[in-house]
Each structure stands twice: as C-alpha cells, then as structure tokens.
Amino acid sequence: MKKIFMSILACGLLTIALCGCGPSNTPEDVAEAAAKAMISNDLDKFVDYVYVKEGTSDEEEKQGKEQLSAMLKAKTGNEEPKYTDCKVLNCELNDEGDKAKVEVEFTLKDGSTKTDKMPVRKGKDGKHVVCGGTTANAVA
C-alpha cells in the first residue's frame, strides 16, 4: 500500500513539475519567440504570435493568419533571412500590464546588430501577442 501511495505521489509531483516548465507568456518571451520564428523563416509559426482583434471569430482569425502568412512568404520569396539571432534587451510594460514595448537586438549575418522595439499586448485569449510594428518589416 505504501509503494502505491508513493508511486501516485511521485507521478503527481512529476506532472506538476512538468506543467511548470511550459512556455512562458511574458511579453519578453513572446517577442523573442516571434522574432526567432521570423529568423528561422517559419512564417506560419510567426503569425501565431500576431495580435487578433477582439470579437474576431475563429474562422476569421484562421483566414487572416493564412493570408498574412502567404503575404509574408510572397514578400520574402526564397530569400534567406538577413538575421541570424536575436535577444531581448528591455521591456517597458504599461501600468495596466496589458501592453509593452519590447526592445529586441537582432544580429545580422555580417555580425552587426540592429535594435527594434516590438509592440506586444494581451490578445483576445489573455495571452501576449505581437501587434504590428517592425517585426513584420524585418522579415523582408
């Protein structure tokens, strides 16, 4: 009986520990994930981080993201991204905690760097998302 109890307790603790290791939803983490998706030319993943207006139906959201992904792919063609890496330098969060400007440093192929501020806000499901700004422009 004691072994069964200990096994159940161990499984429960492992489950709790693994759930705690899930992806974070801070503005910094979202900005970095979106930028890295862009750098790796995973534009379908990038559009998953893009802000969707409140009241948008799931179908409208799906179609909008598909169109944005297609547009970005058409704009970049088969070009390789001009960036190789990125890192978050700073995050300015507003008083309400629902909007932020995340300063991201992009490393170019020649080793030089470029810094941009990515606007991030809470989306319709309460998770942080990128809302326009320089990230989409950096794809080209």
C-alpha atoms as a PDB file:
ATOM      1  CA  MET A   1       0.000   0.000   0.000  1.00  0.00           C
ATOM      2  CA  LYS A   2       2.843   2.355   0.884  1.00  0.00           C
ATOM      3  CA  LYS A   3       4.537   1.698  -2.511  1.00  0.00           C
ATOM      4  CA  ILE A   4       1.322   2.501  -4.392  1.00  0.00           C
ATOM      5  CA  PHE A   5       0.859   5.731  -2.459  1.00  0.00           C
ATOM      6  CA  MET A   6       4.470   6.761  -3.081  1.00  0.00           C
ATOM      7  CA  SER A   7       4.137   5.949  -6.811  1.00  0.00           C
ATOM      8  CA  ILE A   8       0.989   8.052  -7.120  1.00  0.00           C
ATOM      9  CA  LEU A   9       2.620  10.894  -5.187  1.00  0.00           C
ATOM     10  CA  ALA A  10       5.723  10.743  -7.397  1.00  0.00           C
ATOM     11  CA  CYS A  11       3.613  10.826 -10.582  1.00  0.00           C
ATOM     12  CA  GLY A  12       1.614  13.770  -9.257  1.00  0.00           C
ATOM     13  CA  LEU A  13       4.743  15.741  -8.378  1.00  0.00           C
ATOM     14  CA  LEU A  14       6.288  14.966 -11.765  1.00  0.00           C
ATOM     15  CA  THR A  15       3.134  16.197 -13.522  1.00  0.00           C
ATOM     16  CA  ILE A  16       3.154  19.424 -11.530  1.00  0.00           C
ATOM     17  CA  ALA A  17       6.847  19.963 -12.241  1.00  0.00           C
ATOM     18  CA  LEU A  18       6.429  19.393 -15.983  1.00  0.00           C
ATOM     19  CA  CYS A  19       3.438  21.737 -16.182  1.00  0.00           C
ATOM     20  CA  GLY A  20       5.525  24.425 -14.549  1.00  0.00           C
ATOM     21  CA  CYS A  21       8.111  24.098 -17.310  1.00  0.00           C
ATOM     22  CA  GLY A  22       5.710  25.076 -20.088  1.00  0.00           C
ATOM     23  CA  PRO A  23       6.323  28.087 -22.292  1.00  0.00           C
ATOM     24  CA  SER A  24       6.035  31.395 -20.531  1.00  0.00           C
ATOM     25  CA  ASN A  25       3.631  34.095 -21.629  1.00  0.00           C
ATOM     26  CA  THR A  26       5.627  37.168 -20.709  1.00  0.00           C
ATOM     27  CA  PRO A  27       5.939  39.963 -23.280  1.00  0.00           C
ATOM     28  CA  GLU A  28       9.674  39.267 -23.485  1.00  0.00           C
ATOM     29  CA  ASP A  29       9.196  35.553 -24.209  1.00  0.00           C
ATOM     30  CA  VAL A  30       6.522  36.197 -26.826  1.00  0.00           C
ATOM     31  CA  ALA A  31       8.613  38.861 -28.601  1.00  0.00           C
ATOM     32  CA  GLU A  32      11.648  36.584 -28.631  1.00  0.00           C
ATOM     33  CA  ALA A  33       9.656  33.573 -29.864  1.00  0.00           C
ATOM     34  CA  ALA A  34       8.051  35.624 -32.649  1.00  0.00           C
ATOM     35  CA  ALA A  35      11.420  37.059 -33.681  1.00  0.00           C
ATOM     36  CA  LYS A  36      13.057  33.616 -33.697  1.00  0.00           C
ATOM     37  CA  ALA A  37      10.209  32.202 -35.800  1.00  0.00           C
ATOM     38  CA  MET A  38      10.791  35.045 -38.241  1.00  0.00           C
ATOM     39  CA  ILE A  39      14.564  34.478 -38.277  1.00  0.00           C
ATOM     40  CA  SER A  40      14.112  30.759 -38.955  1.00  0.00           C
ATOM     41  CA  ASN A  41      11.677  31.686 -41.765  1.00  0.00           C
ATOM     42  CA  ASP A  42       8.848  29.798 -40.028  1.00  0.00           C
ATOM     43  CA  LEU A  43       6.256  32.370 -41.048  1.00  0.00           C
ATOM     44  CA  ASP A  44       3.309  30.104 -40.190  1.00  0.00           C
ATOM     45  CA  LYS A  45       4.579  29.979 -36.624  1.00  0.00           C
ATOM     46  CA  PHE A  46       5.308  33.717 -36.638  1.00  0.00           C
ATOM     47  CA  VAL A  47       1.700  34.603 -37.491  1.00  0.00           C
ATOM     48  CA  ASP A  48       0.549  32.582 -34.471  1.00  0.00           C
ATOM     49  CA  TYR A  49       2.112  35.362 -32.359  1.00  0.00           C
ATOM     50  CA  VAL A  50       0.292  38.173 -34.187  1.00  0.00           C
ATOM     51  CA  TYR A  51      -2.478  40.166 -32.474  1.00  0.00           C
ATOM     52  CA  VAL A  52      -6.064  39.361 -33.423  1.00  0.00           C
ATOM     53  CA  LYS A  53      -8.737  41.980 -32.760  1.00  0.00           C
ATOM     54  CA  GLU A  54     -11.338  41.313 -30.074  1.00  0.00           C
ATOM     55  CA  GLY A  55     -14.584  39.925 -31.479  1.00  0.00           C
ATOM     56  CA  THR A  56     -12.882  38.122 -34.368  1.00  0.00           C
ATOM     57  CA  SER A  57     -14.361  34.685 -34.970  1.00  0.00           C
ATOM     58  CA  ASP A  58     -12.104  31.633 -35.038  1.00  0.00           C
ATOM     59  CA  GLU A  59     -12.760  31.236 -38.772  1.00  0.00           C
ATOM     60  CA  GLU A  60     -11.888  34.879 -39.499  1.00  0.00           C
ATOM     61  CA  GLU A  61      -8.736  34.528 -37.396  1.00  0.00           C
ATOM     62  CA  LYS A  62      -7.679  31.404 -39.269  1.00  0.00           C
ATOM     63  CA  GLN A  63      -8.259  33.022 -42.677  1.00  0.00           C
ATOM     64  CA  GLY A  64      -6.487  36.230 -41.645  1.00  0.00           C
ATOM     65  CA  LYS A  65      -3.441  34.362 -40.391  1.00  0.00           C
ATOM     66  CA  GLU A  66      -3.318  32.249 -43.558  1.00  0.00           C
ATOM     67  CA  GLN A  67      -3.455  35.405 -45.697  1.00  0.00           C
ATOM     68  CA  LEU A  68      -0.758  37.141 -43.640  1.00  0.00           C
ATOM     69  CA  SER A  69       1.492  34.089 -43.840  1.00  0.00           C
ATOM     70  CA  ALA A  70       1.003  33.874 -47.624  1.00  0.00           C
ATOM     71  CA  MET A  71       1.700  37.600 -47.996  1.00  0.00           C
ATOM     72  CA  LEU A  72       4.911  37.381 -45.941  1.00  0.00           C
ATOM     73  CA  LYS A  73       6.045  34.305 -47.888  1.00  0.00           C
ATOM     74  CA  ALA A  74       5.396  36.115 -51.187  1.00  0.00           C
ATOM     75  CA  LYS A  75       7.325  39.152 -49.951  1.00  0.00           C
ATOM     76  CA  THR A  76      10.362  37.152 -48.860  1.00  0.00           C
ATOM     77  CA  GLY A  77      10.290  34.552 -51.635  1.00  0.00           C
ATOM     78  CA  ASN A  78      13.160  32.123 -51.288  1.00  0.00           C
ATOM     79  CA  GLU A  79      15.446  34.716 -49.725  1.00  0.00           C
ATOM     80  CA  GLU A  80      17.337  33.707 -46.661  1.00  0.00           C
ATOM     81  CA  PRO A  81      16.585  35.833 -43.612  1.00  0.00           C
ATOM     82  CA  LYS A  82      19.116  38.600 -43.078  1.00  0.00           C
ATOM     83  CA  TYR A  83      19.234  37.931 -39.328  1.00  0.00           C
ATOM     84  CA  THR A  84      20.933  35.060 -37.548  1.00  0.00           C
ATOM     85  CA  ASP A  85      19.893  35.591 -33.932  1.00  0.00           C
ATOM     86  CA  CYS A  86      18.098  37.886 -31.518  1.00  0.00           C
ATOM     87  CA  LYS A  87      17.913  38.680 -27.853  1.00  0.00           C
ATOM     88  CA  VAL A  88      15.617  40.759 -25.685  1.00  0.00           C
ATOM     89  CA  LEU A  89      17.297  43.818 -24.202  1.00  0.00           C
ATOM     90  CA  ASN A  90      14.483  45.574 -22.363  1.00  0.00           C
ATOM     91  CA  CYS A  91      10.740  45.550 -21.762  1.00  0.00           C
ATOM     92  CA  GLU A  92       8.632  48.601 -20.941  1.00  0.00           C
ATOM     93  CA  LEU A  93       5.300  47.407 -19.546  1.00  0.00           C
ATOM     94  CA  ASN A  94       2.391  49.835 -19.114  1.00  0.00           C
ATOM     95  CA  ASP A  95       0.720  50.324 -15.725  1.00  0.00           C
ATOM     96  CA  GLU A  96      -2.183  48.006 -16.566  1.00  0.00           C
ATOM     97  CA  GLY A  97       0.181  45.231 -17.640  1.00  0.00           C
ATOM     98  CA  ASP A  98      -1.638  44.634 -20.918  1.00  0.00           C
ATOM     99  CA  LYS A  99       0.743  46.416 -23.324  1.00  0.00           C
ATOM    100  CA  ALA A 100       4.511  46.507 -23.643  1.00  0.00           C
ATOM    101  CA  LYS A 101       7.319  47.680 -25.880  1.00  0.00           C
ATOM    102  CA  VAL A 102       9.981  45.000 -26.041  1.00  0.00           C
ATOM    103  CA  GLU A 103      13.412  46.064 -27.251  1.00  0.00           C
ATOM    104  CA  VAL A 104      14.972  43.275 -29.312  1.00  0.00           C
ATOM    105  CA  GLU A 105      18.508  43.229 -30.663  1.00  0.00           C
ATOM    106  CA  PHE A 106      18.802  41.374 -33.978  1.00  0.00           C
ATOM    107  CA  THR A 107      22.164  40.035 -35.139  1.00  0.00           C
ATOM    108  CA  LEU A 108      22.750  40.327 -38.879  1.00  0.00           C
ATOM    109  CA  LYS A 109      24.736  37.846 -40.945  1.00  0.00           C
ATOM    110  CA  ASP A 110      27.749  40.173 -41.004  1.00  0.00           C
ATOM    111  CA  GLY A 111      27.803  40.224 -37.188  1.00  0.00           C
ATOM    112  CA  SER A 112      26.432  43.740 -36.822  1.00  0.00           C
ATOM    113  CA  THR A 113      23.317  44.335 -34.772  1.00  0.00           C
ATOM    114  CA  LYS A 114      20.074  46.218 -35.210  1.00  0.00           C
ATOM    115  CA  THR A 115      17.713  47.103 -32.384  1.00  0.00           C
ATOM    116  CA  ASP A 116      13.938  47.379 -32.779  1.00  0.00           C
ATOM    117  CA  LYS A 117      11.062  47.822 -30.365  1.00  0.00           C
ATOM    118  CA  MET A 118       8.287  45.285 -30.775  1.00  0.00           C
ATOM    119  CA  PRO A 119       4.842  46.274 -29.503  1.00  0.00           C
ATOM    120  CA  VAL A 120       3.260  43.447 -27.520  1.00  0.00           C
ATOM    121  CA  ARG A 121      -0.186  43.332 -25.914  1.00  0.00           C
ATOM    122  CA  LYS A 122      -2.631  40.872 -24.445  1.00  0.00           C
ATOM    123  CA  GLY A 123      -4.769  39.284 -27.118  1.00  0.00           C
ATOM    124  CA  LYS A 124      -8.323  38.025 -27.129  1.00  0.00           C
ATOM    125  CA  ASP A 125      -7.457  34.927 -25.092  1.00  0.00           C
ATOM    126  CA  GLY A 126      -5.443  36.873 -22.498  1.00  0.00           C
ATOM    127  CA  LYS A 127      -2.070  35.761 -23.863  1.00  0.00           C
ATOM    128  CA  HIS A 128       0.559  38.218 -25.012  1.00  0.00           C
ATOM    129  CA  VAL A 129       0.925  38.675 -28.774  1.00  0.00           C
ATOM    130  CA  VAL A 130       2.899  40.884 -31.145  1.00  0.00           C
ATOM    131  CA  CYS A 131       0.815  43.728 -32.544  1.00  0.00           C
ATOM    132  CA  GLY A 132       2.293  45.114 -35.743  1.00  0.00           C
ATOM    133  CA  GLY A 133       5.431  47.152 -35.736  1.00  0.00           C
ATOM    134  CA  THR A 134       8.869  46.401 -37.001  1.00  0.00           C
ATOM    135  CA  THR A 135       8.930  42.607 -36.734  1.00  0.00           C
ATOM    136  CA  ALA A 136       6.892  42.011 -39.874  1.00  0.00           C
ATOM    137  CA  ASN A 137       9.055  44.563 -41.689  1.00  0.00           C
ATOM    138  CA  ALA A 138      12.192  42.779 -40.547  1.00  0.00           C
ATOM    139  CA  VAL A 139      11.179  39.660 -42.461  1.00  0.00           C
ATOM    140  CA  ALA A 140      11.941  41.369 -45.766  1.00  0.00           C
END
